Amino acid sequence: MSGAGKASRIVVAGVVGALFAALAWADAAGFAGAAPAWWLLPLVIVIAVGGVDELVRLVGARDLILPTWLLRPAAVAIPLAAACGAEAFSAATSTAAPPVAIGWAAAAFTVAVLLCFAVEVAGYRPEARAVERIAASTLVVAYLGLPLAFMVGLRLLCVENPGPEQTGPGHLGIVPLLSLVAVVKGGDVAAYVVGSLAGRHRMAPTLSPGKTWEGAAASVAGSLAAAWLVIEQSGAAAARPWGGWAAFGLAVGLAGMLGDLAESLFKREAGNKDSGRSLGALGGVLDLVDSLLFASPVAWLLWAAAR
């Protein structure tokens, strides 16, 4: 990438980071009287819709046309179901168990899959590759909708008691969500800087030639440092994720790296360098959130088992 391209990438990343920081502050502070997650849900909807459009384009490069009109609302409905299933969405002192909200998201996902089948059954033609379309549509809503639901679950997490009978609020506020973003993006930044300056040994030369083992090692170190800062040094959390900051940083950081490679698989199969151009030098929506998608369920599991 040229110097101008790198500068443009940094500027766009700064703008996106500032926007997220502003929304996170408004959400954490309950700005304008909003309940938890209300300020961040519009961002979730944008990611869901933009991600669906990019995935449909990538899949379309393999001559497989998917029903965007169905997949957009499906990908949005899954994280919204997680929000509506959490009492904290409307009452900051809720004591709903963490799995309850994710159960609503799973139900929404199941309905989306059933609708994908219904669409193909209703319009079946022998040459339409119906089974492939159903499989690809299911992958799209699972790849986007379910991880976004776990992100919503992190924001609304209550850890007083992970079972159905809870005795107190035990809310962790926005810390679990921020820990996810900080660990994953801390690893991404470290990998980019070290990989660009000192990367010599390619990690996945066929799938993603730009990734190196030196960058991967730096990514793990960056993720661990971010986990230590957010979880141990902020003093904002009433509990700690299972295994402490080190286990959280390592597990979530490695899951984020896998998520990055998973999106590279989509792009490689489609013959594209980026998932889109909606974010300029940063690429598309998926290029921004790919690592978060795989890391979010890991982060949720560790925080849901918090001590």
Protein backbone atom coordinates (compact mmCIF):
# COMPACT_ATOMS: atom_id res chain seq x y z
CA MET A 1 0.00 0.00 0.00
CA SER A 2 1.30 3.48 -0.90
CA GLY A 3 2.05 6.18 1.66
CA ALA A 4 -1.07 8.09 0.66
CA GLY A 5 -3.14 4.92 1.00
CA LYS A 6 -1.78 4.28 4.48
CA ALA A 7 -2.48 7.87 5.51
CA SER A 8 -6.02 7.64 4.19
CA ARG A 9 -6.51 4.38 6.05
CA ILE A 10 -5.37 5.98 9.32
CA VAL A 11 -7.69 8.96 8.83
CA VAL A 12 -10.73 6.77 8.13
CA ALA A 13 -9.87 4.52 11.07
CA GLY A 14 -9.62 7.59 13.30
CA VAL A 15 -13.03 8.88 12.22
CA VAL A 16 -14.66 5.47 12.73
CA GLY A 17 -12.98 5.09 16.12
CA ALA A 18 -14.13 8.55 17.22
CA LEU A 19 -17.70 7.79 16.16
CA PHE A 20 -17.73 4.54 18.11
CA ALA A 21 -16.21 6.25 21.16
CA ALA A 22 -18.90 8.94 21.07
CA LEU A 23 -21.72 6.40 20.79
CA ALA A 24 -20.18 4.23 23.52
CA TRP A 25 -19.94 7.22 25.85
CA ALA A 26 -23.55 8.24 25.15
CA ASP A 27 -24.69 4.67 25.73
CA ALA A 28 -22.71 4.19 28.94
CA ALA A 29 -23.86 7.56 30.31
CA GLY A 30 -27.50 7.01 29.39
CA PHE A 31 -27.41 10.24 27.42
CA ALA A 32 -30.83 11.84 26.86
CA GLY A 33 -32.34 9.27 29.20
CA ALA A 34 -31.68 6.32 26.88
CA ALA A 35 -31.65 2.79 28.31
CA PRO A 36 -28.58 0.56 27.84
CA ALA A 37 -27.77 -0.34 24.20
CA TRP A 38 -30.15 2.19 22.65
CA TRP A 39 -27.33 4.42 21.37
CA LEU A 40 -25.37 1.48 19.94
CA LEU A 41 -28.18 -0.41 18.24
CA PRO A 42 -28.26 1.89 15.17
CA LEU A 43 -24.61 0.98 14.62
CA VAL A 44 -25.51 -2.72 14.89
CA ILE A 45 -28.21 -2.26 12.25
CA VAL A 46 -25.81 -0.48 9.88
CA ILE A 47 -23.26 -3.28 10.27
CA ALA A 48 -25.90 -5.96 9.70
CA VAL A 49 -27.33 -4.38 6.55
CA GLY A 50 -23.95 -3.37 5.12
CA GLY A 51 -22.48 -6.77 5.89
CA VAL A 52 -25.33 -8.59 4.17
CA ASP A 53 -24.93 -6.47 1.04
CA GLU A 54 -21.19 -7.20 0.91
CA LEU A 55 -21.61 -10.92 1.49
CA VAL A 56 -24.30 -11.15 -1.18
CA ARG A 57 -21.93 -9.45 -3.63
CA LEU A 58 -19.09 -11.80 -2.71
CA VAL A 59 -21.30 -14.86 -3.11
CA GLY A 60 -22.65 -13.42 -6.37
CA ALA A 61 -19.14 -13.61 -7.81
CA ARG A 62 -19.69 -17.39 -7.79
CA ASP A 63 -22.92 -16.99 -9.79
CA LEU A 64 -25.13 -17.58 -6.78
CA ILE A 65 -27.86 -14.95 -6.33
CA LEU A 66 -29.23 -14.62 -2.80
CA PRO A 67 -32.46 -12.92 -1.60
CA THR A 68 -31.06 -9.70 -0.15
CA TRP A 69 -34.61 -8.50 0.62
CA LEU A 70 -34.93 -11.40 3.10
CA LEU A 71 -31.37 -11.54 4.46
CA ARG A 72 -31.20 -7.87 5.46
CA PRO A 73 -34.15 -7.96 7.91
CA ALA A 74 -33.08 -11.41 9.10
CA ALA A 75 -29.57 -10.23 10.01
CA VAL A 76 -31.07 -7.20 11.80
CA ALA A 77 -33.76 -9.19 13.62
CA ILE A 78 -31.30 -11.56 15.32
CA PRO A 79 -29.36 -8.95 17.35
CA LEU A 80 -32.59 -6.99 17.94
CA ALA A 81 -34.11 -10.16 19.41
CA ALA A 82 -31.14 -10.38 21.78
CA ALA A 83 -31.79 -6.79 22.87
CA CYS A 84 -35.53 -7.23 23.33
CA GLY A 85 -34.96 -10.49 25.21
CA ALA A 86 -32.81 -8.73 27.81
CA GLU A 87 -34.70 -6.85 30.50
CA ALA A 88 -31.78 -4.42 30.82
CA PHE A 89 -32.78 -3.03 27.44
CA SER A 90 -35.71 -1.29 29.12
CA ALA A 91 -34.74 -1.39 32.79
CA ALA A 92 -31.20 -0.72 33.98
CA THR A 93 -31.74 -2.77 37.16
CA SER A 94 -32.89 -5.94 35.41
CA THR A 95 -31.71 -9.31 36.69
CA ALA A 96 -32.39 -11.41 33.60
CA ALA A 97 -29.96 -14.30 33.11
CA PRO A 98 -27.44 -13.87 30.25
CA PRO A 99 -28.59 -16.94 28.26
CA VAL A 100 -32.16 -15.62 28.06
CA ALA A 101 -31.35 -12.89 25.54
CA ILE A 102 -29.19 -15.21 23.43
CA GLY A 103 -32.05 -17.72 23.41
CA TRP A 104 -34.27 -15.12 21.72
CA ALA A 105 -31.52 -14.53 19.15
CA ALA A 106 -31.33 -18.27 18.48
CA ALA A 107 -35.09 -18.35 17.96
CA ALA A 108 -34.88 -15.45 15.49
CA PHE A 109 -32.09 -17.24 13.62
CA THR A 110 -34.18 -20.41 13.41
CA VAL A 111 -37.12 -18.49 11.97
CA ALA A 112 -34.79 -16.86 9.41
CA VAL A 113 -33.56 -20.27 8.26
CA LEU A 114 -37.12 -21.55 7.96
CA LEU A 115 -38.02 -18.53 5.82
CA CYS A 116 -35.03 -19.23 3.55
CA PHE A 117 -36.42 -22.72 2.99
CA ALA A 118 -39.94 -21.34 2.45
CA VAL A 119 -38.72 -18.90 -0.23
CA GLU A 120 -36.94 -21.65 -2.16
CA VAL A 121 -39.87 -24.06 -1.85
CA ALA A 122 -42.34 -21.43 -3.08
CA GLY A 123 -40.26 -20.42 -6.09
CA TYR A 124 -38.56 -23.72 -6.86
CA ARG A 125 -37.06 -24.25 -10.31
CA PRO A 126 -34.82 -27.20 -11.18
CA GLU A 127 -32.01 -24.90 -12.38
CA ALA A 128 -32.14 -22.48 -9.41
CA ARG A 129 -29.58 -24.33 -7.21
CA ALA A 130 -32.02 -24.13 -4.31
CA VAL A 131 -29.99 -26.13 -1.78
CA GLU A 132 -26.88 -24.05 -2.46
CA ARG A 133 -28.87 -20.83 -2.07
CA ILE A 134 -30.34 -22.03 1.24
CA ALA A 135 -26.90 -23.03 2.52
CA ALA A 136 -25.36 -19.70 1.50
CA SER A 137 -28.27 -17.70 2.94
CA THR A 138 -28.03 -19.59 6.24
CA LEU A 139 -24.29 -18.89 6.33
CA VAL A 140 -24.87 -15.17 5.79
CA VAL A 141 -27.36 -14.77 8.64
CA ALA A 142 -25.29 -16.99 10.95
CA TYR A 143 -22.01 -15.25 10.13
CA LEU A 144 -23.46 -11.79 10.79
CA GLY A 145 -26.58 -12.05 12.93
CA LEU A 146 -25.42 -14.39 15.69
CA PRO A 147 -22.09 -12.65 16.47
CA LEU A 148 -23.88 -9.29 16.52
CA ALA A 149 -26.36 -10.79 18.99
CA PHE A 150 -23.47 -11.78 21.25
CA MET A 151 -22.16 -8.20 21.07
CA VAL A 152 -25.57 -6.93 22.17
CA GLY A 153 -25.55 -9.58 24.90
CA LEU A 154 -22.18 -8.30 26.12
CA ARG A 155 -23.58 -4.78 26.47
CA LEU A 156 -26.58 -6.00 28.47
CA LEU A 157 -24.78 -8.66 30.49
CA CYS A 158 -25.81 -9.34 34.09
CA VAL A 159 -23.55 -11.71 36.04
CA GLU A 160 -25.09 -11.75 39.51
CA ASN A 161 -26.15 -15.29 38.75
CA PRO A 162 -25.98 -17.01 35.33
CA GLY A 163 -29.05 -19.09 36.13
CA PRO A 164 -32.75 -18.18 35.89
CA GLU A 165 -33.01 -17.16 39.56
CA GLN A 166 -31.04 -13.96 40.08
CA THR A 167 -30.88 -12.07 43.34
CA GLY A 168 -29.38 -8.73 42.36
CA PRO A 169 -28.50 -6.54 39.37
CA GLY A 170 -24.79 -7.36 38.97
CA HIS A 171 -24.57 -5.29 35.81
CA LEU A 172 -21.15 -4.75 34.32
CA GLY A 173 -22.22 -1.82 32.16
CA ILE A 174 -20.34 -1.29 28.94
CA VAL A 175 -17.05 -2.84 30.15
CA PRO A 176 -17.59 -6.32 28.61
CA LEU A 177 -18.34 -4.82 25.19
CA LEU A 178 -15.40 -2.42 25.42
CA SER A 179 -13.12 -5.28 26.46
CA LEU A 180 -14.07 -7.14 23.27
CA VAL A 181 -13.45 -4.15 21.02
CA ALA A 182 -10.22 -3.14 22.78
CA VAL A 183 -8.70 -6.63 22.75
CA VAL A 184 -9.55 -7.35 19.12
CA LYS A 185 -8.64 -3.95 17.73
CA GLY A 186 -5.54 -3.73 19.91
CA GLY A 187 -4.41 -6.97 18.32
CA ASP A 188 -5.33 -5.75 14.83
CA VAL A 189 -3.32 -2.54 15.21
CA ALA A 190 -0.30 -4.33 16.64
CA ALA A 191 -0.38 -6.91 13.84
CA TYR A 192 -0.63 -4.20 11.18
CA VAL A 193 2.24 -2.11 12.57
CA VAL A 194 4.66 -4.95 13.27
CA GLY A 195 3.70 -6.89 10.16
CA SER A 196 4.28 -3.83 7.98
CA LEU A 197 7.65 -2.99 9.56
CA ALA A 198 9.14 -6.37 10.45
CA GLY A 199 6.97 -9.07 8.88
CA ARG A 200 9.09 -11.65 7.06
CA HIS A 201 7.47 -15.06 7.44
CA ARG A 202 4.05 -15.43 5.85
CA MET A 203 1.42 -17.11 7.97
CA ALA A 204 -1.13 -17.98 5.24
CA PRO A 205 0.58 -17.23 1.90
CA THR A 206 -2.20 -18.59 -0.29
CA LEU A 207 -5.18 -17.33 1.68
CA SER A 208 -3.87 -13.97 2.94
CA PRO A 209 -0.34 -13.12 1.73
CA GLY A 210 -0.11 -9.95 3.80
CA LYS A 211 -0.32 -11.72 7.17
CA THR A 212 2.92 -12.79 8.84
CA TRP A 213 3.90 -14.76 11.91
CA GLU A 214 5.64 -11.68 13.28
CA GLY A 215 2.37 -9.78 12.96
CA ALA A 216 0.48 -12.64 14.61
CA ALA A 217 2.83 -12.62 17.61
CA ALA A 218 2.42 -8.86 17.90
CA SER A 219 -1.35 -9.29 17.68
CA VAL A 220 -1.38 -11.64 20.67
CA ALA A 221 0.80 -9.24 22.65
CA GLY A 222 -1.44 -6.30 21.73
CA SER A 223 -4.55 -8.21 22.73
CA LEU A 224 -3.06 -9.18 26.09
CA ALA A 225 -2.02 -5.59 26.77
CA ALA A 226 -5.49 -4.29 25.91
CA ALA A 227 -7.14 -6.91 28.13
CA TRP A 228 -4.91 -5.93 31.06
CA LEU A 229 -5.66 -2.24 30.60
CA VAL A 230 -9.45 -2.55 30.25
CA ILE A 231 -10.13 -5.34 32.73
CA GLU A 232 -7.49 -4.82 35.41
CA GLN A 233 -6.56 -1.16 35.26
CA SER A 234 -9.83 0.59 34.45
CA GLY A 235 -11.40 -0.37 37.76
CA ALA A 236 -14.81 -0.15 36.11
CA ALA A 237 -15.91 -3.79 36.23
CA ALA A 238 -17.65 -5.37 39.20
CA ALA A 239 -16.33 -8.79 38.15
CA ARG A 240 -13.69 -10.37 35.97
CA PRO A 241 -14.15 -12.73 33.01
CA TRP A 242 -13.52 -16.40 33.65
CA GLY A 243 -9.78 -17.04 33.74
CA GLY A 244 -8.90 -13.38 34.28
CA TRP A 245 -7.48 -10.84 31.87
CA ALA A 246 -4.74 -13.12 30.51
CA ALA A 247 -7.11 -15.92 29.46
CA PHE A 248 -9.54 -13.36 28.06
CA GLY A 249 -6.88 -11.55 26.05
CA LEU A 250 -5.43 -14.76 24.64
CA ALA A 251 -8.72 -16.48 23.77
CA VAL A 252 -10.47 -13.42 22.36
CA GLY A 253 -7.35 -12.27 20.52
CA LEU A 254 -6.87 -15.66 18.83
CA ALA A 255 -10.57 -15.81 17.92
CA GLY A 256 -10.24 -12.37 16.35
CA MET A 257 -7.30 -13.55 14.23
CA LEU A 258 -9.36 -16.51 13.04
CA GLY A 259 -12.22 -14.17 12.17
CA ASP A 260 -9.87 -12.06 10.05
CA LEU A 261 -8.71 -15.15 8.16
CA ALA A 262 -12.32 -16.33 7.74
CA GLU A 263 -13.24 -13.13 5.95
CA SER A 264 -10.12 -13.52 3.79
CA LEU A 265 -11.58 -16.87 2.76
CA PHE A 266 -14.75 -15.18 1.53
CA LYS A 267 -12.76 -12.59 -0.42
CA ARG A 268 -10.34 -15.13 -1.87
CA GLU A 269 -13.19 -17.31 -3.11
CA ALA A 270 -14.77 -14.25 -4.76
CA GLY A 271 -11.47 -12.95 -6.15
CA ASN A 272 -11.78 -9.61 -4.29
CA LYS A 273 -9.16 -7.74 -2.25
CA ASP A 274 -11.73 -5.97 -0.05
CA SER A 275 -15.30 -6.80 0.92
CA GLY A 276 -16.43 -3.38 -0.32
CA ARG A 277 -15.48 0.29 -0.61
CA SER A 278 -17.98 1.91 1.75
CA LEU A 279 -15.19 2.86 4.19
CA GLY A 280 -12.70 4.07 1.61
CA ALA A 281 -9.14 2.92 2.33
CA LEU A 282 -10.39 0.65 5.13
CA GLY A 283 -12.44 -1.36 2.63
CA GLY A 284 -15.95 -2.44 3.50
CA VAL A 285 -17.99 -3.05 6.63
CA LEU A 286 -16.80 -6.65 6.88
CA ASP A 287 -13.17 -5.55 6.65
CA LEU A 288 -13.80 -3.47 9.77
CA VAL A 289 -15.71 -6.00 11.90
CA ASP A 290 -14.47 -9.39 10.63
CA SER A 291 -12.29 -10.09 13.66
CA LEU A 292 -15.03 -8.98 16.08
CA LEU A 293 -17.52 -11.45 14.62
CA PHE A 294 -15.60 -14.56 15.65
CA ALA A 295 -14.38 -13.05 18.92
CA SER A 296 -17.77 -11.93 20.27
CA PRO A 297 -19.16 -15.37 21.28
CA VAL A 298 -15.84 -16.22 22.98
CA ALA A 299 -15.92 -12.94 24.91
CA TRP A 300 -19.57 -13.50 25.86
CA LEU A 301 -18.89 -17.00 27.19
CA LEU A 302 -15.97 -15.80 29.33
CA TRP A 303 -17.92 -12.84 30.75
CA ALA A 304 -21.08 -14.90 31.29
CA ALA A 305 -18.98 -17.20 33.50
CA ALA A 306 -17.49 -14.18 35.32
CA ARG A 307 -16.40 -14.42 38.91
